[in-house]
N, C-alpha and C. Protein backbone atom coordinates (compact mmCIF):
# COMPACT_ATOMS: atom_id res chain seq x y z
N MET A 1 136.38 -106.56 -1.80
CA MET A 1 136.90 -106.37 -3.16
C MET A 1 137.61 -104.94 -3.53
N ASP A 2 137.27 -103.83 -3.80
CA ASP A 2 137.61 -103.13 -3.67
C ASP A 2 138.70 -102.25 -2.51
N ASP A 3 138.68 -102.27 -1.59
CA ASP A 3 139.55 -102.43 -0.34
C ASP A 3 140.66 -103.27 -0.88
N TRP A 4 140.92 -104.50 -1.61
CA TRP A 4 141.97 -104.91 -1.43
C TRP A 4 142.86 -104.67 -2.79
N ALA A 5 142.19 -103.44 -3.66
CA ALA A 5 142.56 -102.95 -5.08
C ALA A 5 143.36 -101.62 -4.78
N THR A 6 142.56 -101.22 -3.32
CA THR A 6 143.07 -99.86 -2.74
C THR A 6 144.45 -100.17 -2.07
N GLN A 7 144.55 -101.33 -1.11
CA GLN A 7 145.59 -101.21 -0.54
C GLN A 7 146.65 -101.46 -1.47
N ALA A 8 146.44 -102.31 -2.49
CA ALA A 8 147.62 -103.13 -3.47
C ALA A 8 148.60 -101.80 -4.00
N THR A 9 147.06 -100.68 -3.89
CA THR A 9 148.12 -99.69 -4.90
C THR A 9 148.54 -98.59 -4.11
N ASP A 10 148.02 -98.37 -2.84
CA ASP A 10 148.84 -97.84 -2.03
C ASP A 10 150.14 -98.40 -1.60
N TRP A 11 150.34 -99.81 -1.83
CA TRP A 11 151.33 -100.59 -0.64
C TRP A 11 152.58 -100.08 -2.26
N VAL A 12 151.80 -100.53 -3.23
CA VAL A 12 152.91 -99.94 -4.64
C VAL A 12 153.24 -98.65 -4.60
N GLU A 13 152.44 -97.58 -4.47
CA GLU A 13 152.89 -96.41 -4.69
C GLU A 13 153.91 -95.41 -3.43
N ARG A 14 153.61 -96.35 -2.46
CA ARG A 14 154.53 -96.40 -1.21
C ARG A 14 155.74 -96.93 -1.65
N GLY A 15 155.60 -98.04 -1.88
CA GLY A 15 157.20 -98.38 -2.81
C GLY A 15 157.97 -97.69 -3.41
N VAL A 16 157.44 -97.30 -4.19
CA VAL A 16 157.54 -96.61 -5.63
C VAL A 16 158.44 -95.42 -5.09
N GLY A 17 157.44 -94.27 -3.98
CA GLY A 17 158.09 -93.68 -3.45
C GLY A 17 158.89 -93.58 -2.66
N ALA A 18 159.12 -94.90 -2.06
CA ALA A 18 160.33 -94.92 -1.02
C ALA A 18 161.63 -94.96 -1.86
N ILE A 19 161.12 -95.71 -2.90
CA ILE A 19 162.79 -96.03 -4.37
C ILE A 19 163.18 -94.97 -4.77
N ARG A 20 162.44 -93.40 -5.05
CA ARG A 20 162.58 -92.56 -5.82
C ARG A 20 162.89 -91.38 -4.71
N ASP A 21 162.73 -91.62 -3.60
CA ASP A 21 163.39 -90.81 -2.23
C ASP A 21 164.67 -91.32 -2.01
N ARG A 22 165.21 -92.50 -2.13
CA ARG A 22 166.38 -92.80 -1.38
C ARG A 22 167.59 -92.83 -2.79
N THR A 23 167.11 -92.71 -4.29
CA THR A 23 167.72 -92.47 -5.55
C THR A 23 167.75 -90.89 -5.93
N VAL A 24 165.84 -90.87 -6.61
CA VAL A 24 166.72 -89.84 -7.22
C VAL A 24 167.17 -88.12 -6.47
N GLY A 25 166.77 -88.06 -4.87
CA GLY A 25 167.03 -87.28 -4.17
C GLY A 25 168.11 -87.04 -4.12
N PRO A 26 169.05 -87.68 -3.59
CA PRO A 26 170.53 -87.73 -3.61
C PRO A 26 171.29 -87.40 -5.13
N ALA A 27 170.38 -88.12 -6.02
CA ALA A 27 171.36 -88.26 -7.24
C ALA A 27 171.10 -87.03 -7.67
N GLN A 28 169.82 -85.93 -7.61
CA GLN A 28 170.00 -84.55 -7.40
C GLN A 28 170.56 -83.57 -7.62
N GLN A 29 170.36 -84.01 -5.89
CA GLN A 29 171.79 -83.15 -5.09
C GLN A 29 173.40 -83.10 -5.48
N ILE A 30 173.37 -84.48 -6.14
CA ILE A 30 174.84 -84.46 -6.39
C ILE A 30 174.92 -83.49 -7.73
N VAL A 31 174.79 -83.96 -8.76
CA VAL A 31 174.07 -83.12 -9.88
C VAL A 31 173.90 -81.52 -9.96
N LYS A 32 173.04 -81.35 -8.91
CA LYS A 32 172.93 -79.71 -8.75
C LYS A 32 174.50 -79.08 -7.78
N LEU A 33 174.89 -79.79 -7.26
CA LEU A 33 176.74 -79.54 -6.86
C LEU A 33 177.71 -79.66 -7.76
N ILE A 34 177.43 -80.68 -8.91
CA ILE A 34 178.43 -80.23 -10.24
C ILE A 34 177.95 -79.31 -10.80
N VAL A 35 177.04 -78.96 -11.16
CA VAL A 35 176.49 -77.44 -11.79
C VAL A 35 176.85 -76.26 -11.59
N TYR A 36 176.81 -76.17 -9.89
CA TYR A 36 176.98 -74.73 -9.45
C TYR A 36 178.42 -74.88 -9.35
N GLY A 37 179.17 -75.97 -9.24
CA GLY A 37 180.57 -75.96 -8.89
C GLY A 37 181.44 -75.80 -9.90
N VAL A 38 181.01 -76.24 -11.41
CA VAL A 38 181.68 -75.72 -12.63
C VAL A 38 180.96 -74.03 -12.67
N LEU A 39 179.71 -73.76 -12.34
CA LEU A 39 179.66 -72.28 -12.68
C LEU A 39 180.49 -71.55 -12.15
N VAL A 40 180.27 -71.78 -10.75
CA VAL A 40 181.58 -71.27 -10.01
C VAL A 40 182.89 -70.88 -10.44
N ALA A 41 183.70 -72.23 -11.08
CA ALA A 41 184.90 -72.09 -11.47
C ALA A 41 184.74 -71.21 -12.81
N ILE A 42 183.78 -71.30 -13.38
CA ILE A 42 184.02 -70.13 -14.87
C ILE A 42 183.76 -68.74 -14.56
N LEU A 43 183.45 -68.69 -13.56
CA LEU A 43 183.25 -66.90 -13.06
C LEU A 43 184.43 -66.53 -12.39
N ALA A 44 185.30 -67.63 -11.75
CA ALA A 44 186.11 -67.46 -10.80
C ALA A 44 187.21 -67.04 -11.66
N ILE A 45 187.25 -67.99 -12.91
CA ILE A 45 188.50 -67.91 -14.05
C ILE A 45 187.93 -66.94 -14.68
N THR A 46 186.87 -66.10 -14.83
CA THR A 46 186.89 -65.38 -15.70
C THR A 46 187.02 -63.70 -14.95
N ALA A 47 186.69 -63.79 -13.65
CA ALA A 47 186.72 -62.50 -12.96
C ALA A 47 188.74 -62.48 -12.12
N PHE A 48 189.42 -63.62 -12.86
CA PHE A 48 190.51 -63.68 -12.23
C PHE A 48 191.61 -62.94 -13.75
N VAL A 49 191.13 -63.20 -14.73
CA VAL A 49 191.88 -62.79 -15.79
C VAL A 49 191.23 -61.59 -15.79
N LEU A 50 190.08 -60.99 -16.33
CA LEU A 50 189.48 -59.56 -15.98
C LEU A 50 190.57 -59.05 -15.12
N PHE A 51 190.54 -59.40 -13.63
CA PHE A 51 191.39 -58.77 -12.98
C PHE A 51 193.08 -58.24 -13.57
N SER A 52 193.31 -59.27 -13.71
CA SER A 52 194.61 -59.34 -14.20
C SER A 52 195.17 -58.63 -15.17
N VAL A 53 193.93 -58.23 -16.36
CA VAL A 53 194.36 -57.31 -16.93
C VAL A 53 194.09 -55.95 -16.39
N LEU A 54 193.11 -55.68 -15.79
CA LEU A 54 192.66 -54.16 -15.08
C LEU A 54 194.17 -53.73 -14.29
N LEU A 55 194.68 -54.86 -13.34
CA LEU A 55 196.16 -54.63 -12.88
C LEU A 55 197.42 -54.40 -13.63
N LEU A 56 197.41 -54.80 -14.86
CA LEU A 56 198.09 -54.66 -15.99
C LEU A 56 197.64 -53.28 -16.18
N ARG A 57 196.59 -52.87 -16.71
CA ARG A 57 196.53 -51.65 -17.32
C ARG A 57 196.48 -50.37 -16.24
N LEU A 58 196.54 -50.78 -15.11
CA LEU A 58 196.77 -49.95 -14.03
C LEU A 58 198.20 -49.50 -14.06
N LEU A 59 198.67 -51.01 -13.77
CA LEU A 59 200.40 -50.19 -13.55
C LEU A 59 201.07 -49.77 -15.12
N ASN A 60 200.57 -49.80 -16.00
CA ASN A 60 200.90 -49.50 -16.89
C ASN A 60 200.90 -47.88 -17.17
N LEU A 61 199.89 -47.48 -16.84
CA LEU A 61 199.78 -45.94 -16.06
C LEU A 61 200.89 -45.40 -15.33
N PHE A 62 201.56 -46.00 -14.25
CA PHE A 62 202.16 -45.65 -13.45
C PHE A 62 204.08 -45.99 -13.77
N LEU A 63 204.18 -47.11 -14.65
CA LEU A 63 205.36 -47.60 -14.98
C LEU A 63 205.58 -47.99 -16.66
N PRO A 64 207.21 -47.88 -16.45
CA PRO A 64 207.34 -48.48 -17.87
C PRO A 64 206.17 -49.85 -18.20
N ASP A 65 206.34 -50.26 -19.59
CA ASP A 65 205.95 -51.12 -19.90
C ASP A 65 206.09 -52.49 -19.35
N TRP A 66 208.00 -52.67 -19.60
CA TRP A 66 209.20 -53.79 -19.08
C TRP A 66 208.99 -53.84 -17.49
N ALA A 67 208.63 -52.72 -16.40
CA ALA A 67 207.77 -52.77 -15.15
C ALA A 67 207.15 -53.54 -14.64
N ALA A 68 206.12 -53.13 -15.95
CA ALA A 68 204.17 -53.84 -15.56
C ALA A 68 204.22 -54.78 -15.60
N TRP A 69 205.00 -55.59 -16.39
CA TRP A 69 204.54 -56.96 -16.67
C TRP A 69 206.31 -57.69 -15.63
N LEU A 70 207.13 -57.28 -15.16
CA LEU A 70 207.79 -57.44 -14.25
C LEU A 70 206.87 -58.06 -12.36
N VAL A 71 206.70 -56.58 -12.36
CA VAL A 71 205.68 -56.70 -11.28
C VAL A 71 204.59 -57.98 -11.54
N LEU A 72 204.03 -57.87 -12.41
CA LEU A 72 202.56 -58.76 -12.93
C LEU A 72 203.28 -60.45 -12.57
N GLY A 73 204.88 -60.51 -13.27
CA GLY A 73 205.51 -62.07 -13.50
C GLY A 73 205.75 -62.08 -11.55
N VAL A 74 206.19 -61.01 -11.33
CA VAL A 74 206.49 -61.40 -9.85
C VAL A 74 205.22 -61.98 -8.74
N ILE A 75 204.29 -61.12 -8.91
CA ILE A 75 202.88 -61.73 -8.33
C ILE A 75 202.56 -63.14 -8.65
N PHE A 76 202.62 -63.27 -9.88
CA PHE A 76 202.26 -64.45 -10.49
C PHE A 76 203.29 -65.72 -9.87
N LEU A 77 204.48 -65.13 -10.16
CA LEU A 77 205.51 -66.15 -9.45
C LEU A 77 205.73 -65.98 -8.23
N ALA A 78 204.87 -65.51 -7.08
CA ALA A 78 204.98 -65.60 -5.51
C ALA A 78 203.53 -66.46 -5.27
N GLY A 79 202.40 -66.41 -5.71
CA GLY A 79 201.48 -67.37 -5.88
C GLY A 79 202.06 -68.80 -6.50
N GLY A 80 202.24 -68.69 -7.40
CA GLY A 80 202.74 -70.50 -7.89
C GLY A 80 203.83 -71.19 -7.12
N ALA A 81 204.63 -69.85 -6.09
CA ALA A 81 205.56 -70.47 -5.26
C ALA A 81 204.60 -70.87 -3.78
N VAL A 82 203.53 -70.25 -3.47
CA VAL A 82 202.87 -70.57 -2.54
C VAL A 82 202.22 -71.72 -2.40
N ALA A 83 201.57 -71.66 -3.75
CA ALA A 83 200.43 -72.96 -3.76
C ALA A 83 201.74 -74.29 -4.27
N PHE A 84 202.49 -74.10 -4.28
CA PHE A 84 203.68 -75.18 -4.56
C PHE A 84 204.16 -75.99 -3.01
N ILE A 85 204.08 -74.83 -1.96
CA ILE A 85 204.29 -74.95 -0.62
C ILE A 85 203.70 -75.71 -0.24
N PHE A 86 202.18 -75.40 -0.63
CA PHE A 86 200.83 -75.85 0.26
C PHE A 86 200.26 -77.06 -0.62
N ARG A 87 201.22 -77.83 -1.62
CA ARG A 87 200.88 -78.91 -2.32
C ARG A 87 200.77 -80.24 -1.49
N THR A 88 200.19 -80.54 -1.62
CA THR A 88 200.32 -82.47 -1.59
C THR A 88 200.70 -83.32 -1.99
N PRO A 89 202.21 -83.76 -1.21
CA PRO A 89 203.16 -84.54 -1.85
C PRO A 89 202.70 -85.88 -2.58
N ARG A 90 203.10 -86.09 -3.35
CA ARG A 90 202.50 -87.46 -4.09
C ARG A 90 202.40 -88.72 -3.29
N GLY A 91 201.41 -89.55 -3.19
CA GLY A 91 201.10 -90.77 -2.61
C GLY A 91 200.39 -90.40 -1.06
N ALA A 92 200.50 -88.98 -0.47
CA ALA A 92 200.53 -88.70 0.83
C ALA A 92 198.93 -88.70 0.86
N ALA A 93 197.95 -88.52 -0.41
CA ALA A 93 197.04 -88.52 -0.35
C ALA A 93 196.39 -89.71 -0.68
N GLY A 94 196.87 -91.21 -0.78
CA GLY A 94 196.26 -92.50 -0.74
C GLY A 94 196.22 -92.75 -2.07
N ASN A 95 196.27 -92.09 -3.25
CA ASN A 95 195.66 -92.63 -4.40
C ASN A 95 196.69 -93.07 -4.87
N ASN A 96 198.11 -92.91 -4.32
CA ASN A 96 199.18 -93.58 -5.39
C ASN A 96 199.63 -94.30 -4.40
N ALA A 97 199.47 -94.29 -3.10
CA ALA A 97 199.75 -95.29 -2.32
C ALA A 97 199.33 -96.63 -2.59
N SER A 98 197.84 -96.50 -2.71
CA SER A 98 197.11 -97.51 -2.15
C SER A 98 197.57 -98.14 -3.74
N SER A 99 197.58 -97.09 -4.79
CA SER A 99 197.54 -98.46 -6.26
C SER A 99 198.87 -99.37 -6.16
N GLY A 100 199.85 -99.19 -6.10
CA GLY A 100 200.95 -100.25 -5.69
C GLY A 100 201.93 -99.56 -6.64
N ALA A 101 201.67 -98.29 -7.10
CA ALA A 101 202.58 -98.43 -8.29
C ALA A 101 204.02 -97.63 -7.48
N VAL A 102 205.13 -98.81 -7.81
CA VAL A 102 206.13 -98.41 -7.43
C VAL A 102 207.21 -97.10 -7.88
N GLY A 103 207.17 -97.09 -9.11
CA GLY A 103 207.89 -95.91 -9.95
C GLY A 103 207.60 -96.56 -11.40
N PRO A 104 208.61 -96.69 -12.19
CA PRO A 104 207.93 -96.33 -13.95
C PRO A 104 207.51 -97.65 -13.81
N ALA A 105 206.93 -97.93 -15.07
CA ALA A 105 206.09 -98.84 -15.57
C ALA A 105 206.84 -100.12 -15.63
N GLY A 106 206.36 -101.10 -15.44
CA GLY A 106 207.04 -102.48 -14.99
C GLY A 106 208.12 -102.84 -13.92
N ALA A 107 208.07 -101.67 -12.87
CA ALA A 107 209.09 -102.02 -11.56
C ALA A 107 208.62 -103.03 -11.06
N LYS A 108 207.37 -103.00 -10.60
CA LYS A 108 206.09 -103.93 -9.63
C LYS A 108 206.54 -104.93 -10.27
N GLU A 109 206.21 -105.58 -11.82
CA GLU A 109 206.75 -106.81 -12.36
C GLU A 109 208.00 -107.14 -11.85
N LYS A 110 208.90 -106.02 -12.84
CA LYS A 110 210.74 -107.14 -11.93
C LYS A 110 210.80 -107.14 -10.58
N GLU A 111 209.87 -106.56 -9.40
CA GLU A 111 210.14 -106.33 -8.39
C GLU A 111 209.68 -108.29 -7.67
N ARG A 112 208.73 -108.68 -8.50
CA ARG A 112 207.77 -110.04 -8.34
C ARG A 112 208.97 -110.82 -9.00
N SER A 113 209.47 -110.92 -10.13
CA SER A 113 210.71 -111.75 -10.95
C SER A 113 211.66 -112.11 -9.77
N ALA A 114 212.09 -111.16 -9.36
CA ALA A 114 213.44 -111.19 -8.77
C ALA A 114 213.59 -112.26 -7.45
């Protein structure tokens, strides 16, 4: 009779362990990825702001105030233009194209009634 109780306990323990390995493990990996991603984003934004301030201060040493701001503005404008060139057009990623959105709200309903 003791064998049966031990076998049942082992069977339940294996089942619970298998379920835990399939659920908790991937969930922990996803949560770690989110936490580290947010941490890296915060550090990157902080470094970007500090580098921008440093660049402005260094430019102010050698240029008049208006020229330093102009140089920094041109740098940010160029960065924005590069980001604009490499953007993903709306609907190309599949999110908007598969949603069935045609344009302004209600355009799909007008299309159906016609």
